[in-house]
Structure formats: C-alpha cells, structure tokens
Amino acid sequence: MHIIIPDDYQDCVRYLSCFEKLLGHSVQVFHDSPKDLASLASRFALAEALVLTRERTQISATLLEQLPRLRLISQTGRAGSHIDVEACTRHGVAVAETHSTGTATAELTWALVLASRRHLVAEANRLRDGLWQGHLGCKLQGATLGIWGYGRIGKQVAAYGKVFGMRVWIWGSENSRMQAAADGFEAAPSREAFFAESDVLSLHLRLLRATHGLVTRSDLQRMKPSALFVNTSRAELLQPGALERAVRHGRPGFAAVDVYESEPVLGARHPLLHLPNVLCTPHLGFVERDNYESFYGQAFDNILWYLQGRQDHLLNPQAISHPRQKAALAGFTVGTSPKGYPKLMNHPQG
C-alpha cells in the first residue's frame, strides 16, 4: 500500500518504534505544510492511504475529487472540521481516528502556567544577557484557577490546580459543571463571574461549529489586569484578534498560548509573538514522544485493520461499499526494502 504522511514538521515519525508496523508498505513523508489545493493534489496523487497529523491538512471535497487512488484517511486524534467526512463517504474514502489517554497537553498547560506566573523565560533571558532579577512573580497557592471545559484534559489540569492549593472552578456545559461538582470542584455561577474572578483561566474545549469564536473580547475584558489567560486547545475558539486586543489593553494582563489560527507560524509573523506579556510556544501540547507513539501507533493499526477487512474502527463504514473500495481491496501495491523495513521515500522539503 502506498502511504503518505504529510506535515511531519520535526522529521520524527520514521524514528518512532511504531513505524515498523508499516513493514512491507511504501511510505512517503513530507515535512513542510503547503496549503494550496494544487500542491496538495499533486503531493497526494499516488496516495492510497493518508496519515494526518491533527488538523494540519484540510481534506475538502474539491481535493478528494483529484485523488482517485485514495482509499483511507487515518487521523491522529479526532477527525474534526478539517476533514469533510461526508465528501469522503461519497468518494469512497474510509476515515478512521485515534484517541489519547496521555497527559502531554495537560502537562504543557501547567508548564505555561508556572512559567508565566514566575516570568521564567524573561528571567532566564535576562540572566543570559548579563542582568539579574527584573520581575516579581505570583504564587499559585490560594489563587483561583478557572477551567472552561471539563473533559479529559480539563480534569487533569483541575487536578494539578488542586495539588498546588488553588481554588478550582469550572465553566462549560451543564453536564461539565455537574460532573465537576460531583468530583468535588466548584462550578462557576455565571460566565461573567468566571472571567472576572479567575486569576488563571485555561481553555480546554474541542473546536466545533458551536465553539468557533466562543470566547469574545468582552469576555476577556472582564478579566483582572493581573490575570493570566491560557490556551492550549485551539486558537479559533476565540473571536479573531480578540486576545491580542484584550492583552494590549491590559485585561487580562498576561496570556500564554500554544495554538494559532494558521500553522506553522514562521518568520515570527504573528502579533502575539511581539507582546512582552504573552508567552508563546509552537503548538507543543501533544508533541511528546509517548504521545506520538500512541497516536501514530493507533493510526498505523487503523491501516492494518482496514487491510484485514475490519470496519468497526471506521467513522464511515458505509464508504466500504463504494466501487473504488471493492477494486482496491482486491490487491494493494506493496513495496519492501531489502532490509525489511518500510520502504521510505523521505521528502525533507516536500
């Protein structure tokens, strides 16, 4: 089977232990991330399977029309709005996703909270520049931690806050607040109070049609001048430009972000990177070795299960009845290197 893995920014996938699961298949890896349709259509022309890294590549109906060989998309993480699943079904392309039980994103969230509250990056840079102390940090014990979204990651961050002696309260759906209360956490009485009284506020929501642009500038303007806003989920959860404008006006006084509207961000071309009261990292939340082994291992398993004729792991098993699937499953192209490892065609610059 000819498998293409786009958007491997760090050239790390082929060094994972799970990569050996692709033994006997031809694998093509790309490390850059073009967005235009023509480049993607040309790059994926021979693909029988795509392994997507999160939401880095958009799979639209128009693109699918130009990929007649494609049979399977194996998504690391959930298949969100970046994949037109209905169009995949119409074109006979099966879609599978993966799930994580790891703590990588929650841990990074907490690292950003600690680094921001104690100005660690700025202080380390000052010391390297020959200077001494320049900022007065703020402890976490006794402060109020607001968490919007009480799913798997939100629960982990709430537990960290509790260990650090913070007052933890939750905002989100009614079910989220009820679950948080059952777990011994406080549910915020209102959205307004949640933003106004939180010393640290962290987003942990999925990006859906209903959550797109959910956080407004007026929400942020309710925050304290001393408060920290943290986003390791998705940039599109906020209204465009809302965080930049709010931080420039001092409410909240600080922000820490790991996600951006268009990624990768190159050449420092994002306004938040130039604000001294914002700590920015390059979407490192899930970029951790064990997490990658889990996500990619599952994604490769999805390919193997598909070739075995399994359908229980597919989001759209009805795609299997499409004529292109019946023809494909009769025999896929397979290439094996002399050493028995996956036949790798690596493309450092695409």
Protein backbone atom coordinates (compact mmCIF):
# COMPACT_ATOMS: atom_id res chain seq x y z
CA MET A 1 0.00 0.00 0.00
CA HIS A 2 1.28 3.50 -0.79
CA ILE A 3 1.00 5.56 2.41
CA ILE A 4 1.67 9.30 2.63
CA ILE A 5 2.35 11.09 5.91
CA PRO A 6 2.25 14.89 5.48
CA ASP A 7 3.21 17.64 7.91
CA ASP A 8 5.87 15.79 9.91
CA TYR A 9 7.48 19.10 10.90
CA GLN A 10 10.21 17.59 13.05
CA ASP A 11 11.06 14.57 10.86
CA CYS A 12 10.38 12.30 13.81
CA VAL A 13 7.72 9.82 12.65
CA ARG A 14 10.16 7.48 10.91
CA TYR A 15 12.20 7.22 14.13
CA LEU A 16 9.24 6.08 16.26
CA SER A 17 9.12 2.44 17.31
CA CYS A 18 5.62 2.10 15.91
CA PHE A 19 6.86 2.99 12.42
CA GLU A 20 7.88 -0.64 11.97
CA LYS A 21 4.18 -1.51 11.85
CA LEU A 22 4.28 -0.30 8.25
CA LEU A 23 6.66 -3.11 7.27
CA GLY A 24 6.10 -4.05 3.64
CA HIS A 25 4.42 -0.81 2.60
CA SER A 26 5.71 2.15 0.63
CA VAL A 27 5.76 5.23 2.87
CA GLN A 28 6.26 8.81 1.73
CA VAL A 29 6.86 11.51 4.36
CA PHE A 30 6.71 15.28 3.95
CA HIS A 31 7.96 17.84 6.48
CA ASP A 32 6.59 21.12 5.15
CA SER A 33 2.93 22.12 5.06
CA PRO A 34 1.58 23.64 1.82
CA LYS A 35 -2.00 24.86 1.96
CA ASP A 36 -2.90 25.42 -1.69
CA LEU A 37 -5.08 22.88 -3.42
CA ALA A 38 -2.80 22.32 -6.40
CA SER A 39 0.19 21.43 -4.25
CA LEU A 40 -1.81 19.04 -2.09
CA ALA A 41 -3.41 17.34 -5.11
CA SER A 42 0.00 16.82 -6.71
CA ARG A 43 1.59 15.63 -3.48
CA PHE A 44 -1.18 13.13 -2.66
CA ALA A 45 -1.79 11.91 -6.22
CA LEU A 46 -0.41 8.41 -5.58
CA ALA A 47 -1.71 8.04 -2.02
CA GLU A 48 -3.80 5.00 -1.19
CA ALA A 49 -3.76 5.99 2.48
CA LEU A 50 -3.09 9.28 4.25
CA VAL A 51 -1.95 9.52 7.86
CA LEU A 52 -2.83 13.01 9.05
CA THR A 53 -1.24 14.80 11.97
CA ARG A 54 -4.02 16.54 13.86
CA GLU A 55 -5.63 19.32 11.77
CA ARG A 56 -2.55 20.39 9.83
CA THR A 57 -4.02 19.48 6.42
CA GLN A 58 -7.52 20.26 5.16
CA ILE A 59 -9.27 17.45 3.29
CA SER A 60 -12.04 19.04 1.22
CA ALA A 61 -14.45 17.67 -1.35
CA THR A 62 -12.55 19.51 -4.07
CA LEU A 63 -9.28 17.87 -3.05
CA LEU A 64 -10.87 14.42 -2.87
CA GLU A 65 -12.09 14.75 -6.44
CA GLN A 66 -8.44 14.88 -7.51
CA LEU A 67 -7.31 11.82 -5.52
CA PRO A 68 -8.81 8.79 -7.29
CA ARG A 69 -6.38 6.32 -5.66
CA LEU A 70 -7.13 7.36 -2.08
CA ARG A 71 -8.94 4.71 -0.02
CA LEU A 72 -8.26 5.52 3.64
CA ILE A 73 -7.55 8.50 5.87
CA SER A 74 -6.13 7.57 9.26
CA GLN A 75 -6.30 10.59 11.52
CA THR A 76 -4.09 11.10 14.58
CA GLY A 77 -6.59 12.45 17.07
CA ARG A 78 -10.17 13.13 16.18
CA ALA A 79 -11.45 13.84 12.70
CA GLY A 80 -12.61 17.42 13.11
CA SER A 81 -13.86 20.05 10.72
CA HIS A 82 -10.64 19.82 8.67
CA ILE A 83 -11.95 16.57 7.13
CA ASP A 84 -15.14 16.61 5.09
CA VAL A 85 -16.28 13.16 6.21
CA GLU A 86 -19.48 13.31 4.14
CA ALA A 87 -17.45 14.01 1.00
CA CYS A 88 -15.10 11.16 1.93
CA THR A 89 -18.06 8.80 2.07
CA ARG A 90 -19.37 9.96 -1.31
CA HIS A 91 -15.93 9.38 -2.85
CA GLY A 92 -15.44 6.01 -1.20
CA VAL A 93 -12.72 7.11 1.22
CA ALA A 94 -12.85 5.48 4.63
CA VAL A 95 -11.93 7.59 7.68
CA ALA A 96 -10.54 6.37 11.00
CA GLU A 97 -9.40 8.34 14.02
CA THR A 98 -7.34 7.75 17.16
CA HIS A 99 -7.71 8.58 20.83
CA SER A 100 -5.24 9.59 23.51
CA THR A 101 -5.27 8.91 27.23
CA GLY A 102 -1.96 10.71 27.78
CA THR A 103 -1.17 13.79 29.85
CA ALA A 104 1.08 15.64 27.39
CA THR A 105 -1.22 18.60 26.73
CA ALA A 106 -2.21 18.97 30.37
CA GLU A 107 1.44 18.93 31.41
CA LEU A 108 2.34 21.61 28.88
CA THR A 109 -0.60 23.70 30.07
CA TRP A 110 0.76 23.58 33.59
CA ALA A 111 4.27 24.38 32.41
CA LEU A 112 2.91 27.50 30.72
CA VAL A 113 1.03 28.49 33.87
CA LEU A 114 4.12 28.13 36.04
CA ALA A 115 6.43 29.83 33.53
CA SER A 116 4.05 32.75 33.08
CA ARG A 117 3.30 33.33 36.74
CA ARG A 118 7.02 33.36 37.60
CA HIS A 119 8.26 35.01 34.35
CA LEU A 120 10.70 32.16 33.82
CA VAL A 121 11.52 32.81 30.17
CA ALA A 122 12.05 36.53 30.64
CA GLU A 123 14.20 35.98 33.73
CA ALA A 124 16.31 33.28 32.04
CA ASN A 125 16.88 35.61 29.09
CA ARG A 126 17.83 38.48 31.42
CA LEU A 127 20.40 36.30 33.16
CA ARG A 128 21.87 35.21 29.82
CA ASP A 129 22.09 38.87 28.84
CA GLY A 130 24.17 39.64 31.93
CA LEU A 131 21.32 41.03 34.05
CA TRP A 132 19.77 39.96 37.33
CA GLN A 133 16.21 39.89 38.65
CA GLY A 134 13.65 42.01 36.81
CA HIS A 135 10.16 40.71 37.63
CA LEU A 136 8.13 39.92 40.71
CA GLY A 137 6.31 36.62 40.23
CA CYS A 138 2.99 35.42 41.64
CA LYS A 139 2.42 32.16 43.51
CA LEU A 140 -0.42 29.80 42.61
CA GLN A 141 -1.46 28.68 46.08
CA GLY A 142 -4.68 30.42 47.07
CA ALA A 143 -5.30 31.82 43.59
CA THR A 144 -8.42 30.94 41.57
CA LEU A 145 -7.99 28.61 38.60
CA GLY A 146 -10.81 28.74 36.05
CA ILE A 147 -11.14 25.86 33.60
CA TRP A 148 -13.54 26.11 30.66
CA GLY A 149 -14.21 22.57 29.54
CA TYR A 150 -14.16 19.59 31.91
CA GLY A 151 -13.16 16.81 29.55
CA ARG A 152 -10.11 14.57 29.79
CA ILE A 153 -7.54 17.39 29.68
CA GLY A 154 -9.61 19.80 31.74
CA LYS A 155 -9.89 17.21 34.51
CA GLN A 156 -6.13 16.69 34.53
CA VAL A 157 -5.45 20.43 34.79
CA ALA A 158 -8.03 20.73 37.56
CA ALA A 159 -6.20 18.02 39.50
CA TYR A 160 -2.90 19.90 39.08
CA GLY A 161 -4.51 23.07 40.39
CA LYS A 162 -5.83 21.25 43.43
CA VAL A 163 -2.38 19.84 44.23
CA PHE A 164 -0.94 23.37 44.05
CA GLY A 165 -3.50 24.60 46.56
CA MET A 166 -5.58 26.64 44.13
CA ARG A 167 -9.28 27.28 44.27
CA VAL A 168 -10.51 25.44 41.15
CA TRP A 169 -13.79 26.19 39.47
CA ILE A 170 -15.29 25.07 36.20
CA TRP A 171 -17.31 26.66 33.41
CA GLY A 172 -18.82 24.89 30.43
CA SER A 173 -21.87 22.86 29.59
CA GLU A 174 -24.34 21.90 32.28
CA ASN A 175 -23.04 18.33 32.16
CA SER A 176 -19.46 19.56 32.62
CA ARG A 177 -20.39 21.64 35.64
CA MET A 178 -22.40 18.79 37.17
CA GLN A 179 -19.51 16.36 36.69
CA ALA A 180 -17.07 18.86 38.19
CA ALA A 181 -19.30 19.31 41.22
CA ALA A 182 -19.55 15.54 41.61
CA ASP A 183 -15.74 15.39 41.59
CA GLY A 184 -15.53 17.97 44.36
CA PHE A 185 -14.81 21.06 42.28
CA GLU A 186 -16.77 24.27 42.23
CA ALA A 187 -18.97 25.23 39.28
CA ALA A 188 -18.78 28.92 38.41
CA PRO A 189 -22.14 30.65 38.97
CA SER A 190 -22.01 32.55 35.68
CA ARG A 191 -19.84 33.17 32.65
CA GLU A 192 -19.31 36.76 33.75
CA ALA A 193 -18.10 35.76 37.22
CA PHE A 194 -15.90 33.05 35.73
CA PHE A 195 -13.93 35.55 33.65
CA ALA A 196 -13.98 38.36 36.22
CA GLU A 197 -12.76 36.37 39.22
CA SER A 198 -10.33 33.81 37.77
CA ASP A 199 -6.64 34.55 38.36
CA VAL A 200 -5.68 31.90 35.82
CA LEU A 201 -8.15 30.87 33.13
CA SER A 202 -7.45 27.92 30.85
CA LEU A 203 -9.42 26.74 27.79
CA HIS A 204 -9.97 23.02 27.23
CA LEU A 205 -12.65 22.76 24.57
CA ARG A 206 -12.94 20.94 21.27
CA LEU A 207 -13.16 23.10 18.17
CA LEU A 208 -16.63 22.51 16.76
CA ARG A 209 -19.03 24.63 14.79
CA ALA A 210 -20.73 25.56 18.07
CA THR A 211 -17.47 26.55 19.80
CA HIS A 212 -15.89 28.52 16.95
CA GLY A 213 -15.35 32.10 18.19
CA LEU A 214 -16.95 31.23 21.53
CA VAL A 215 -14.64 33.44 23.62
CA THR A 216 -15.26 37.12 22.90
CA ARG A 217 -13.29 40.26 23.56
CA SER A 218 -15.90 41.31 26.11
CA ASP A 219 -15.25 38.05 27.99
CA LEU A 220 -11.54 38.79 28.10
CA GLN A 221 -12.04 42.42 29.10
CA ARG A 222 -13.74 41.22 32.29
CA MET A 223 -10.51 39.62 33.46
CA LYS A 224 -8.24 41.21 36.05
CA PRO A 225 -5.14 43.17 34.98
CA SER A 226 -3.16 40.61 36.97
CA ALA A 227 -4.88 37.57 35.42
CA LEU A 228 -3.41 35.00 33.03
CA PHE A 229 -5.31 33.56 30.06
CA VAL A 230 -4.03 30.19 28.76
CA ASN A 231 -4.95 28.48 25.50
CA THR A 232 -3.52 25.07 24.59
CA SER A 233 -6.70 23.97 22.77
CA ARG A 234 -7.39 25.84 19.53
CA ALA A 235 -6.95 29.49 18.53
CA GLU A 236 -10.27 29.51 16.68
CA LEU A 237 -12.13 29.15 19.97
CA LEU A 238 -11.60 32.92 20.30
CA GLN A 239 -13.01 35.62 18.10
CA PRO A 240 -10.35 36.74 15.60
CA GLY A 241 -7.94 39.25 17.13
CA ALA A 242 -9.78 39.29 20.46
CA LEU A 243 -6.87 38.11 22.59
CA GLU A 244 -4.34 40.48 21.04
CA ARG A 245 -6.59 43.50 21.55
CA ALA A 246 -7.52 42.49 25.09
CA VAL A 247 -3.93 41.90 26.20
CA ARG A 248 -2.77 45.16 24.62
CA HIS A 249 -5.37 46.93 26.78
CA GLY A 250 -4.23 45.10 29.91
CA ARG A 251 -7.23 42.84 30.54
CA PRO A 252 -6.08 40.17 31.01
CA GLY A 253 -2.62 41.33 31.88
CA PHE A 254 -0.95 38.14 30.66
CA ALA A 255 -1.50 35.31 28.20
CA ALA A 256 0.16 32.01 27.33
CA VAL A 257 -0.73 30.37 24.02
CA ASP A 258 0.34 27.24 22.20
CA VAL A 259 -2.06 27.41 19.24
CA TYR A 260 -2.60 29.77 16.29
CA GLU A 261 -5.15 30.34 13.56
CA SER A 262 -2.75 29.34 10.78
CA GLU A 263 0.11 26.96 11.48
CA PRO A 264 3.02 26.65 11.27
CA VAL A 265 3.87 30.21 12.27
CA LEU A 266 7.15 31.08 10.54
CA GLY A 267 9.21 34.25 10.47
CA ALA A 268 7.65 35.42 13.76
CA ARG A 269 4.62 36.53 11.74
CA HIS A 270 2.02 36.60 14.47
CA PRO A 271 1.12 39.67 16.54
CA LEU A 272 1.10 37.81 19.87
CA LEU A 273 4.80 36.98 19.45
CA HIS A 274 5.69 40.65 19.79
CA LEU A 275 3.85 41.35 23.04
CA PRO A 276 6.04 41.23 26.18
CA ASN A 277 3.19 39.99 28.37
CA VAL A 278 2.45 36.92 26.20
CA LEU A 279 4.32 33.61 26.34
CA CYS A 280 4.08 31.74 23.03
CA THR A 281 5.07 28.16 22.22
CA PRO A 282 4.82 26.40 18.81
CA HIS A 283 1.90 24.00 19.39
CA LEU A 284 3.82 21.64 21.65
CA GLY A 285 0.81 20.36 23.57
CA PHE A 286 0.70 16.90 22.02
CA VAL A 287 4.29 16.90 20.70
CA GLU A 288 5.77 14.38 23.12
CA ARG A 289 7.35 11.00 22.40
CA ASP A 290 4.94 8.70 24.23
CA ASN A 291 2.01 10.65 22.86
CA TYR A 292 3.34 10.29 19.32
CA GLU A 293 3.92 6.56 19.80
CA SER A 294 0.32 6.23 20.95
CA PHE A 295 -1.27 8.39 18.24
CA TYR A 296 0.77 7.12 15.30
CA GLY A 297 0.72 3.56 16.58
CA GLN A 298 -3.07 3.64 16.53
CA ALA A 299 -3.09 5.38 13.15
CA PHE A 300 -0.90 2.63 11.67
CA ASP A 301 -3.06 -0.03 13.32
CA ASN A 302 -6.06 1.52 11.58
CA ILE A 303 -4.38 0.89 8.23
CA LEU A 304 -3.57 -2.72 9.08
CA TRP A 305 -7.11 -3.37 10.33
CA TYR A 306 -8.55 -1.83 7.20
CA LEU A 307 -6.45 -4.19 5.05
CA GLN A 308 -7.74 -7.09 7.15
CA GLY A 309 -11.28 -6.11 6.21
CA ARG A 310 -12.30 -4.68 9.57
CA GLN A 311 -14.83 -1.87 9.61
CA ASP A 312 -15.63 -1.41 13.31
CA HIS A 313 -12.91 1.22 13.68
CA LEU A 314 -14.15 3.41 10.82
CA LEU A 315 -16.17 6.60 11.22
CA ASN A 316 -17.91 5.95 7.91
CA PRO A 317 -18.04 2.18 7.28
CA GLN A 318 -20.59 2.82 4.54
CA ALA A 319 -17.69 4.05 2.38
CA ILE A 320 -16.54 0.43 2.04
CA SER A 321 -19.47 -0.31 -0.29
CA HIS A 322 -18.17 2.24 -2.82
CA PRO A 323 -16.83 0.75 -6.11
CA ARG A 324 -13.34 2.17 -5.56
CA GLN A 325 -13.07 0.25 -2.29
CA LYS A 326 -14.05 -3.07 -3.82
CA ALA A 327 -11.46 -2.67 -6.53
CA ALA A 328 -8.77 -1.58 -4.09
CA LEU A 329 -9.18 -4.35 -1.54
CA ALA A 330 -8.63 -6.92 -4.30
CA GLY A 331 -4.95 -6.01 -4.21
CA PHE A 332 -2.88 -3.07 -2.99
CA THR A 333 0.59 -2.08 -4.16
CA VAL A 334 3.25 -3.10 -1.69
CA GLY A 335 6.96 -2.26 -1.67
CA THR A 336 9.53 -3.77 0.70
CA SER A 337 13.11 -2.66 1.16
CA PRO A 338 15.97 -5.22 1.18
CA LYS A 339 16.33 -4.82 4.96
CA GLY A 340 12.66 -5.48 5.56
CA TYR A 341 11.83 -2.05 6.91
CA PRO A 342 9.10 0.13 5.44
CA LYS A 343 10.17 1.34 2.03
CA LEU A 344 10.64 5.01 2.87
CA MET A 345 10.58 7.89 0.43
CA ASN A 346 11.54 10.84 2.62
CA HIS A 347 10.97 14.42 1.42
CA PRO A 348 12.66 16.95 3.76
CA GLN A 349 11.42 19.90 1.72
CA GLY A 350 8.35 18.28 0.22
